[in-house]
Protein backbone atom coordinates (compact mmCIF):
# COMPACT_ATOMS: atom_id res chain seq x y z
CA MET A 1 -0.03 -0.06 0.19
CA LEU A 2 2.84 2.39 0.88
CA TYR A 3 4.66 1.25 -2.38
CA LEU A 4 1.02 2.60 -4.19
CA PHE A 5 0.76 5.78 -2.43
CA LEU A 6 4.42 6.61 -3.22
CA GLY A 7 4.26 5.56 -6.86
CA ILE A 8 0.53 7.64 -7.10
CA MET A 9 2.64 10.96 -5.51
CA LEU A 10 5.63 10.47 -7.43
CA SER A 11 3.57 10.38 -10.88
CA PHE A 12 1.71 13.54 -9.80
CA GLN A 13 4.82 15.02 -8.69
CA THR A 14 6.31 14.31 -12.03
CA VAL A 15 3.45 15.40 -14.25
CA TYR A 16 3.38 18.76 -12.13
CA ILE A 17 7.16 19.42 -12.48
CA ILE A 18 6.84 18.63 -16.52
CA ARG A 19 3.71 20.85 -16.61
CA LYS A 20 5.45 24.16 -15.39
CA ASN A 21 8.65 23.28 -17.22
CA LYS A 22 8.85 25.94 -20.02
CA GLU A 23 11.38 24.00 -22.42
CA VAL A 24 9.13 20.94 -22.06
CA ILE A 25 6.03 23.07 -23.04
CA TYR A 26 7.82 24.51 -25.93
CA SER A 27 9.08 21.74 -27.08
CA TRP A 28 5.55 19.79 -27.25
CA LYS A 29 3.97 23.26 -28.99
CA LEU A 30 6.71 22.82 -31.56
CA LEU A 31 6.29 19.23 -32.13
CA LEU A 32 2.53 20.05 -32.87
CA GLY A 33 3.15 22.82 -34.76
CA LYS A 34 1.58 25.44 -32.31
CA LYS A 35 2.97 29.29 -31.82
CA ILE A 36 5.08 29.83 -28.92
CA ASP A 37 4.44 33.04 -27.19
CA GLU A 38 8.05 33.67 -25.93
CA PRO A 39 10.74 35.24 -28.58
CA ASN A 40 13.20 33.17 -29.93
CA PHE A 41 16.64 33.53 -29.91
CA ALA A 42 17.23 35.49 -33.05
CA ARG A 43 13.93 37.90 -31.81
CA PHE A 44 15.23 38.61 -28.55
CA TYR A 45 19.05 39.26 -29.55
CA SER A 46 17.80 41.05 -32.83
CA LYS A 47 21.01 41.00 -34.52
CA ASP A 48 19.96 43.13 -37.54
CA LEU A 49 18.09 46.01 -35.69
CA PHE A 50 21.10 46.60 -33.29
CA SER A 51 23.26 46.73 -36.21
CA LYS A 52 21.23 49.50 -37.70
CA ILE A 53 21.47 51.43 -34.45
CA ALA A 54 25.33 50.69 -34.47
CA LYS A 55 25.93 51.84 -38.21
CA PHE A 56 23.67 54.86 -37.40
CA ILE A 57 26.08 56.13 -34.27
CA ASN A 58 29.00 55.20 -36.64
CA LYS A 59 31.47 55.48 -34.00
CA PRO A 60 33.62 52.28 -32.43
CA LYS A 61 31.63 50.53 -29.65
CA SER A 62 34.40 50.84 -27.50
CA THR A 63 34.56 54.55 -27.38
CA TYR A 64 31.03 55.05 -25.85
CA ARG A 65 28.64 53.27 -23.45
CA VAL A 66 24.89 52.45 -23.82
CA ALA A 67 21.74 51.41 -20.88
CA SER A 68 18.99 49.91 -22.18
CA LEU A 69 15.42 50.75 -20.65
CA GLY A 70 12.75 48.22 -21.16
CA ILE A 71 15.17 46.18 -23.12
CA ASN A 72 17.03 43.60 -21.22
CA PRO A 73 20.81 44.90 -21.01
CA ALA A 74 22.09 41.41 -21.97
CA VAL A 75 20.67 42.17 -25.76
CA ALA A 76 22.77 45.57 -26.04
CA SER A 77 25.96 43.33 -24.55
CA PHE A 78 25.15 40.57 -26.75
CA ASN A 79 25.25 42.85 -29.80
CA GLY A 80 28.96 44.19 -28.92
CA PHE A 81 27.85 47.52 -27.03
CA TYR A 82 29.58 48.43 -24.08
CA THR A 83 26.97 48.36 -21.61
CA LEU A 84 26.26 50.57 -18.36
CA ASP A 85 23.95 48.09 -17.15
CA GLY A 86 23.80 44.62 -16.78
CA TYR A 87 23.08 41.30 -14.88
CA GLN A 88 26.64 40.12 -13.83
CA ASN A 89 27.94 37.40 -11.28
CA SER A 90 29.21 40.08 -9.24
CA TYR A 91 29.62 44.08 -9.32
CA ASP A 92 32.57 46.46 -7.45
CA VAL A 93 30.33 47.73 -4.95
CA ASN A 94 31.88 51.08 -6.09
CA TYR A 95 30.47 50.76 -9.44
CA LYS A 96 26.85 49.61 -7.84
CA HIS A 97 27.20 52.59 -5.86
CA GLU A 98 28.03 55.05 -8.71
CA PHE A 99 25.43 53.42 -11.12
CA ARG A 100 22.60 54.00 -8.20
CA LYS A 101 22.81 57.65 -8.53
CA ILE A 102 21.76 57.73 -11.94
CA ILE A 103 18.47 56.03 -10.71
CA LYS A 104 18.53 57.48 -7.09
CA LYS A 105 15.18 59.18 -7.44
CA ASP A 106 13.25 56.35 -8.71
CA LEU A 107 14.78 54.37 -5.93
CA GLU A 108 13.87 56.86 -2.95
CA ALA A 109 10.35 57.25 -4.46
CA GLU A 110 9.89 53.36 -4.51
CA GLU A 111 10.65 51.06 -1.75
CA SER A 112 9.99 47.67 -3.74
CA GLN A 113 12.13 49.08 -6.59
CA ARG A 114 14.61 50.19 -3.85
CA ASN A 115 15.04 46.75 -2.32
CA TYR A 116 15.12 44.89 -5.64
CA PHE A 117 18.42 47.34 -6.45
CA ASP A 118 20.07 47.49 -3.36
CA TYR A 119 19.63 43.89 -2.17
CA TRP A 120 20.32 42.17 -5.49
CA GLY A 121 23.83 42.48 -5.69
CA SER A 122 24.00 40.90 -9.43
CA ARG A 123 21.39 43.45 -10.90
CA CYS A 124 22.37 46.73 -11.96
CA TYR A 125 19.65 48.18 -14.28
CA LEU A 126 17.85 51.16 -15.12
CA ILE A 127 14.81 51.43 -12.97
CA SER A 128 12.23 53.93 -13.83
CA ASN A 129 8.60 54.42 -11.79
CA SER A 130 7.60 56.43 -15.13
CA TYR A 131 8.42 53.78 -17.32
CA LEU A 132 6.80 51.18 -14.90
CA LYS A 133 3.69 53.19 -14.93
CA ALA A 134 3.77 53.39 -18.44
CA GLU A 135 4.03 49.77 -19.01
CA ILE A 136 1.20 48.99 -16.36
CA ALA A 137 -0.94 51.37 -18.52
CA LYS A 138 0.14 49.37 -21.88
CA GLN A 139 1.12 53.16 -22.85
CA PRO A 140 3.78 52.93 -25.55
CA PHE A 141 5.61 56.09 -24.39
CA VAL A 142 6.92 57.72 -21.32
CA LEU A 143 6.41 61.16 -20.31
CA LYS A 144 10.15 61.41 -18.89
CA LEU A 145 12.73 59.98 -16.74
CA ASP A 146 14.06 61.41 -13.44
CA PHE A 147 17.51 59.96 -13.81
CA ASP A 148 20.66 61.63 -12.81
CA PHE A 149 22.50 62.03 -16.47
CA GLU A 150 25.23 63.86 -14.90
CA ALA A 151 25.96 60.73 -12.94
CA TYR A 152 25.29 58.63 -16.16
CA LYS A 153 27.96 60.36 -18.05
CA LYS A 154 30.46 60.10 -15.34
CA LEU A 155 30.23 56.56 -16.12
CA GLY A 156 30.78 57.04 -19.59
CA GLY A 157 27.22 56.51 -20.82
CA GLN A 158 26.53 58.60 -23.60
CA TYR A 159 23.27 56.50 -25.61
CA LEU A 160 19.98 55.39 -24.01
CA LEU A 161 18.18 52.57 -25.68
CA SER A 162 14.71 52.43 -25.03
CA ASN A 163 11.44 50.70 -26.10
CA LYS A 164 9.25 53.17 -25.10
CA LYS A 165 9.39 56.94 -26.85
CA ILE A 166 10.14 59.47 -24.22
CA ILE A 167 7.57 62.40 -24.67
CA TYR A 168 9.92 65.22 -23.13
CA PRO A 169 13.49 64.41 -23.94
CA ASP A 170 14.63 67.64 -23.46
CA SER A 171 13.47 67.95 -19.97
CA CYS A 172 15.13 65.21 -18.48
CA GLY A 173 18.71 65.77 -20.31
CA LEU A 174 18.47 63.84 -23.69
CA PHE A 175 18.41 64.31 -27.44
CA PHE A 176 16.05 62.03 -29.44
CA ASN A 177 18.00 60.75 -32.34
CA LYS A 178 15.97 57.95 -34.04
CA LYS A 179 13.13 55.08 -33.88
CA PHE A 180 14.51 51.57 -35.22
CA THR A 181 12.48 48.86 -35.81
CA ASP A 182 12.93 45.63 -37.87
CA THR A 183 10.16 43.20 -38.77
CA ASN A 184 12.52 40.10 -37.21
CA SER A 185 12.75 41.64 -33.74
CA ASP A 186 10.18 41.96 -30.85
CA TYR A 187 11.58 45.93 -30.39
CA ASN A 188 11.05 48.88 -30.99
CA VAL A 189 13.97 50.73 -29.91
CA TYR A 190 14.32 54.63 -29.34
CA LEU A 191 17.96 56.11 -29.62
CA TYR A 192 18.44 59.02 -27.01
CA LYS A 193 21.92 60.79 -27.16
CA VAL A 194 22.63 62.30 -23.82
CA LYS A 195 23.33 65.83 -23.91
């Protein structure tokens, strides 16, 4: 009786784990010819789109730094851009403190974001309350950013890549360069230069 109970429990546990495993679910969907709701490797990293951005900037990538808003920093890094932000095994604590100055106002305004940034050592992302509100409201734009772009420039940042349009870039120290799109990408990228 005990073995039957253990066998049933193990079977339920196995089915539960398999149903929650995205890799298994995606594999079955592909086998059945169904659409997968997640971006694939090519759409996520969008090499053609980021090549267009690099060509537009037209400078050696080693001479400037970018950061991403609403786009995983790994995408810019994968495409050869030198990034201020990222998800690394560890950061020099001094760098993390300097990066924090960029998003200080947003962190002071929202405790959950402050805790996310301060207590998760490997993440160094741009956090914007204006962006989060626009995301929740499903708006394709952000009114303005409360970033400290002087601190951004001290770290070598010259460009900002955003997947939402910033309506008043001048008021926060940015100059809009161009919107980039590609049919093989899940992103629209708005390129801004820091003044």
